[in-house]
Every structure is written in C-alpha cells, then in structure tokens.
Amino acid sequence: MLRFFVRTFAILAAVLPLGRGATCNAAGAPVAIPNPSVDAPLAPTRGQQTAVLAGGCFWGIQAVFEHLKGVIRATSGYSGGSADTAQYERVSTGRTGHAESVQVIYDPSQISYGQLLKVFFSVAHDPTQLNRQGPDTGTQYRSAIFYTSDEQNRIAQAYVEQLTPAKVFPNAIATQIVTLNAFYPAEDYHQDYAEHHPENMYIVINDLPKVENLHKQFPELYVAKK
C-alpha cells in the first residue's frame, strides 16, 4: 500500500505543479546523434563566449549545462520578449514572447559551440516538441536557439540541416533559430533550483535523469558541478 501511494505521488508530480513555478518539462531518453559537421574549432587560448538556449523549463537545462566541461556558468532567464515582461508570473501566461532560457557562458578552448548544441539536442530536451515540453504547454516552453553571432547561426542552421535527413528523431525538429535581442536573468529562487531542491519529486523524476543521461552518454564532457 505504501508503495502504491509513493508511485501515485510520483506520477502526479510529473504532471502537476508542486508549488510556485514547479511545472517543468519531463526527462526523456537520450538520443544518440552525430557530431556537427559544421563547427567552430577549439580556440587556442582560454576565453569566454555566450550561448543562449531554450528547451522547456529552465531548471533542467541549467542543471545539465552546469555539469558540462568548459561551461563557466549557466543562468536561468528569459529571452524573446521585452524587459518589462521578463517576470515569471507574466512569462507563464505564454503571451509575452519570452521563452524560459538558459544563458551559458563557456570557454571556447574547452568546448565548442557545436558540442553545446549536441548536448542540447540529445539529452537536455526533446527538440521535436512544438511549443511544449512534456506536460508543459505554451510558447514559453518552446525549443529555441538564440544565436549571438553569424557563426553561431551558421553552425546551428547546419546542424539542424544535418540532423533532419539523418532521421535521428521520430518527428521533425521544431527548434527555432533566432537572433538574441536580450537575455534577462530569472528570479533568484529559480537559479540552481535542481541543486537546491534535489528532494523535490519533480526534480527527481524529470531533471536529475537528464544530468545522469549526460554522465552516461558524454562521460568525456561531464564534470561535477563546480
């Protein structure tokens, strides 16, 4: 009987909110995909570059990239809308143009932009879901790459064009590739949410498996969170 209630609670946790801001995308099985045929070479010296990615709730995306080699920091936030609507309650209406996004600051001498995208497409989210991830629906949960340079745009476009005929996904890729106008950090309580709330059943069911998939599928890129 106890097992029944625990299992029932776990199922409900996967489809219902668990408090303020608790609806996030479910974890799926990792997808084996090829390396990008078009990519930037590793830089000869250390530095910092920025990638902004959206793939459902930012909790899980942030958790994945914080465990990635070469990532200096990852920040949950909003992109696609204006500054005056970059608040969680307003973004959650789906009417602001914002997507829940993660700003990834990385060292291009340690990891390439194409490698970031490989992780993004394979373990961080399901790029075939249109305006949703798992139980969450709305444009704020859309899959998007917000490029910051012509080179990022070229690499992202080429990768989608490479993956589409390879048919590594059962459905068409729905990821938008758009220029980054601005990134607005989310409220403090959203930052490192998976780390601060590992006992939350939603995190246990939906986000921790993404980090584990990263560890299993990309052991050479996985690092313990700094």
Protein backbone atom coordinates (compact mmCIF):
# COMPACT_ATOMS: atom_id res chain seq x y z
CA MET A 1 0.00 0.00 0.00
CA LEU A 2 2.83 2.39 0.84
CA ARG A 3 4.47 1.63 -2.50
CA PHE A 4 1.19 2.43 -4.25
CA PHE A 5 0.97 5.85 -2.64
CA VAL A 6 4.61 6.64 -3.36
CA ARG A 7 4.19 5.68 -7.00
CA THR A 8 0.94 7.63 -7.30
CA PHE A 9 2.59 10.71 -5.84
CA ALA A 10 5.49 10.38 -8.26
CA ILE A 11 3.13 10.19 -11.23
CA LEU A 12 1.18 13.22 -10.04
CA ALA A 13 4.43 15.08 -9.50
CA ALA A 14 5.28 14.56 -13.14
CA VAL A 15 2.10 16.16 -14.41
CA LEU A 16 1.02 18.62 -11.73
CA PRO A 17 2.69 21.71 -10.27
CA LEU A 18 4.49 21.24 -6.95
CA GLY A 19 4.33 24.76 -5.68
CA ARG A 20 5.30 28.06 -7.23
CA GLY A 21 6.98 27.68 -10.59
CA ALA A 22 7.11 23.88 -10.36
CA THR A 23 5.90 22.79 -13.79
CA CYS A 24 8.88 21.74 -15.88
CA ASN A 25 9.49 19.50 -18.84
CA ALA A 26 9.81 15.79 -18.35
CA ALA A 27 13.07 13.97 -18.99
CA GLY A 28 13.18 11.69 -21.99
CA ALA A 29 15.57 9.02 -23.10
CA PRO A 30 18.84 10.35 -24.50
CA VAL A 31 19.16 10.34 -28.27
CA ALA A 32 22.41 9.32 -29.97
CA ILE A 33 23.20 11.91 -32.62
CA PRO A 34 26.29 12.57 -34.76
CA ASN A 35 28.80 15.30 -34.14
CA PRO A 36 28.05 18.51 -36.02
CA SER A 37 29.70 18.52 -39.44
CA VAL A 38 29.99 22.32 -39.22
CA ASP A 39 31.53 23.64 -36.03
CA ALA A 40 33.93 26.22 -34.67
CA PRO A 41 37.42 24.91 -33.89
CA LEU A 42 38.56 24.99 -30.30
CA ALA A 43 40.16 28.32 -29.52
CA PRO A 44 43.94 28.33 -28.96
CA THR A 45 43.62 30.29 -25.71
CA ARG A 46 41.14 30.47 -22.87
CA GLY A 47 38.27 32.91 -23.14
CA GLN A 48 34.55 33.38 -22.70
CA GLN A 49 31.68 33.14 -25.16
CA THR A 50 27.92 33.09 -24.67
CA ALA A 51 25.21 30.71 -25.86
CA VAL A 52 21.51 31.13 -25.07
CA LEU A 53 19.27 28.08 -25.38
CA ALA A 54 15.62 27.35 -24.60
CA GLY A 55 14.15 23.88 -24.20
CA GLY A 56 11.24 23.88 -21.78
CA CYS A 57 11.64 24.66 -18.11
CA PHE A 58 14.99 26.24 -17.40
CA TRP A 59 15.62 24.18 -14.25
CA GLY A 60 16.66 21.05 -16.12
CA ILE A 61 18.52 22.87 -18.90
CA GLN A 62 20.55 24.81 -16.35
CA ALA A 63 21.31 21.63 -14.39
CA VAL A 64 22.63 19.86 -17.50
CA PHE A 65 24.93 22.66 -18.64
CA GLU A 66 26.32 23.27 -15.18
CA HIS A 67 27.75 19.75 -15.37
CA LEU A 68 29.38 20.28 -18.75
CA LYS A 69 33.11 20.61 -19.29
CA GLY A 70 34.12 24.11 -20.33
CA VAL A 71 30.99 25.80 -19.01
CA ILE A 72 31.89 28.63 -16.66
CA ARG A 73 28.35 29.35 -15.51
CA ALA A 74 24.74 28.83 -16.57
CA THR A 75 21.93 31.20 -15.66
CA SER A 76 18.18 30.68 -15.93
CA GLY A 77 16.24 33.52 -17.51
CA TYR A 78 14.03 34.79 -20.29
CA SER A 79 14.62 35.63 -23.96
CA GLY A 80 12.40 36.62 -26.84
CA GLY A 81 10.31 39.34 -25.21
CA SER A 82 10.77 42.77 -23.71
CA ALA A 83 12.36 43.82 -20.43
CA ASP A 84 9.09 44.92 -18.85
CA THR A 85 7.55 41.43 -19.16
CA ALA A 86 10.58 39.41 -18.02
CA GLN A 87 8.98 38.18 -14.79
CA TYR A 88 8.00 34.60 -14.13
CA GLU A 89 4.31 35.26 -13.49
CA ARG A 90 3.96 37.18 -16.76
CA VAL A 91 6.11 34.81 -18.83
CA SER A 92 3.97 31.91 -17.56
CA THR A 93 0.94 33.33 -19.35
CA GLY A 94 2.56 32.47 -22.67
CA ARG A 95 1.72 35.91 -24.04
CA THR A 96 4.99 37.78 -23.56
CA GLY A 97 7.06 36.35 -26.41
CA HIS A 98 9.62 35.13 -23.89
CA ALA A 99 10.91 31.59 -23.68
CA GLU A 100 12.35 30.17 -20.49
CA SER A 101 16.02 30.17 -21.47
CA VAL A 102 19.48 29.48 -20.13
CA GLN A 103 22.48 31.67 -20.74
CA VAL A 104 25.60 29.52 -20.98
CA ILE A 105 28.98 31.21 -20.53
CA TYR A 106 31.64 28.83 -21.80
CA ASP A 107 35.34 28.63 -22.56
CA PRO A 108 35.73 28.05 -26.34
CA SER A 109 39.16 26.50 -25.75
CA GLN A 110 37.49 23.71 -23.76
CA ILE A 111 34.23 23.07 -25.63
CA SER A 112 32.88 24.17 -28.99
CA TYR A 113 29.52 25.71 -29.78
CA GLY A 114 28.65 22.64 -31.82
CA GLN A 115 29.32 20.39 -28.82
CA LEU A 116 26.98 22.53 -26.72
CA LEU A 117 24.30 22.03 -29.36
CA LYS A 118 24.90 18.27 -29.45
CA VAL A 119 24.19 18.08 -25.73
CA PHE A 120 21.22 20.41 -26.13
CA PHE A 121 19.61 18.25 -28.82
CA SER A 122 20.44 14.85 -27.34
CA VAL A 123 19.98 14.92 -23.56
CA ALA A 124 18.74 18.35 -22.45
CA HIS A 125 15.32 18.33 -24.12
CA ASP A 126 13.16 16.97 -26.94
CA PRO A 127 13.63 19.29 -29.94
CA THR A 128 10.65 17.84 -31.80
CA GLN A 129 8.00 19.18 -29.43
CA LEU A 130 6.35 22.34 -30.68
CA ASN A 131 5.63 24.98 -28.04
CA ARG A 132 5.80 22.46 -25.23
CA GLN A 133 8.00 20.08 -23.30
CA GLY A 134 6.39 17.07 -21.68
CA PRO A 135 3.33 18.17 -19.69
CA ASP A 136 4.06 21.88 -20.10
CA THR A 137 2.41 23.72 -22.96
CA GLY A 138 2.84 27.25 -24.23
CA THR A 139 5.27 29.28 -26.28
CA GLN A 140 7.32 29.96 -23.14
CA TYR A 141 8.36 26.28 -23.27
CA ARG A 142 9.39 26.30 -26.92
CA SER A 143 12.67 24.92 -28.23
CA ALA A 144 14.90 27.74 -29.44
CA ILE A 145 18.49 28.65 -30.15
CA PHE A 146 19.14 32.37 -29.68
CA TYR A 147 22.32 32.98 -31.63
CA THR A 148 24.69 35.79 -30.75
CA SER A 149 26.77 35.86 -33.94
CA ASP A 150 26.69 34.91 -37.60
CA GLU A 151 28.95 31.99 -36.80
CA GLN A 152 26.53 30.60 -34.20
CA ASN A 153 23.67 30.99 -36.68
CA ARG A 154 25.64 29.16 -39.36
CA ILE A 155 26.56 26.28 -37.04
CA ALA A 156 23.02 25.90 -35.68
CA GLN A 157 21.38 26.01 -39.12
CA ALA A 158 23.86 23.50 -40.50
CA TYR A 159 23.32 21.12 -37.59
CA VAL A 160 19.55 21.08 -37.99
CA GLU A 161 20.01 20.53 -41.73
CA GLN A 162 22.37 17.66 -40.92
CA LEU A 163 20.11 16.00 -38.34
CA THR A 164 16.90 16.25 -40.36
CA PRO A 165 17.80 13.85 -43.21
CA ALA A 166 19.62 11.59 -40.73
CA LYS A 167 16.21 10.94 -39.12
CA VAL A 168 17.67 10.55 -35.64
CA PHE A 169 14.36 11.83 -34.25
CA PRO A 170 10.96 10.25 -34.94
CA ASN A 171 9.43 13.65 -35.72
CA ALA A 172 10.56 16.90 -37.33
CA ILE A 173 12.80 19.24 -35.35
CA ALA A 174 10.75 22.19 -34.08
CA THR A 175 13.66 24.24 -32.74
CA GLN A 176 13.59 27.91 -33.69
CA ILE A 177 16.90 29.56 -34.60
CA VAL A 178 16.61 33.28 -33.98
CA THR A 179 18.88 36.17 -33.14
CA LEU A 180 19.31 37.06 -29.47
CA ASN A 181 17.97 40.50 -28.70
CA ALA A 182 18.41 40.28 -24.94
CA PHE A 183 18.65 37.85 -22.04
CA TYR A 184 17.04 38.66 -18.70
CA PRO A 185 18.06 36.61 -15.64
CA ALA A 186 15.21 34.93 -13.83
CA GLU A 187 14.31 35.46 -10.20
CA ASP A 188 16.77 34.22 -7.59
CA TYR A 189 14.58 31.32 -6.48
CA HIS A 190 14.84 29.80 -9.97
CA GLN A 191 18.65 29.80 -10.02
CA ASP A 192 20.22 26.38 -9.35
CA TYR A 193 16.76 25.09 -8.48
CA ALA A 194 17.65 21.45 -9.13
CA GLU A 195 20.71 21.73 -6.90
CA HIS A 196 18.83 23.41 -4.07
CA HIS A 197 15.81 21.10 -4.24
CA PRO A 198 17.10 17.62 -5.10
CA GLU A 199 14.37 16.05 -2.96
CA ASN A 200 11.59 17.70 -4.97
CA MET A 201 9.85 14.82 -6.73
CA TYR A 202 9.58 16.80 -9.93
CA ILE A 203 13.34 17.30 -9.96
CA VAL A 204 13.88 13.63 -9.10
CA ILE A 205 11.64 12.44 -11.93
CA ASN A 206 12.31 15.00 -14.63
CA ASP A 207 15.61 16.79 -14.21
CA LEU A 208 18.06 14.55 -12.38
CA PRO A 209 17.71 11.90 -15.13
CA LYS A 210 18.90 14.48 -17.66
CA VAL A 211 22.10 15.00 -15.69
CA GLU A 212 22.53 11.24 -15.39
CA ASN A 213 22.00 10.87 -19.14
CA LEU A 214 24.70 13.47 -19.70
CA HIS A 215 27.04 11.49 -17.46
CA LYS A 216 26.32 8.23 -19.28
CA GLN A 217 26.29 9.50 -22.85
CA PHE A 218 29.07 12.09 -22.60
CA PRO A 219 31.46 10.91 -19.87
CA GLU A 220 34.29 12.84 -21.50
CA LEU A 221 32.32 16.09 -21.16
CA TYR A 222 30.68 15.50 -17.78
CA VAL A 223 32.09 17.24 -14.73
CA ALA A 224 30.90 17.50 -11.16
CA LYS A 225 29.27 20.89 -10.58
CA LYS A 226 31.89 23.43 -9.58
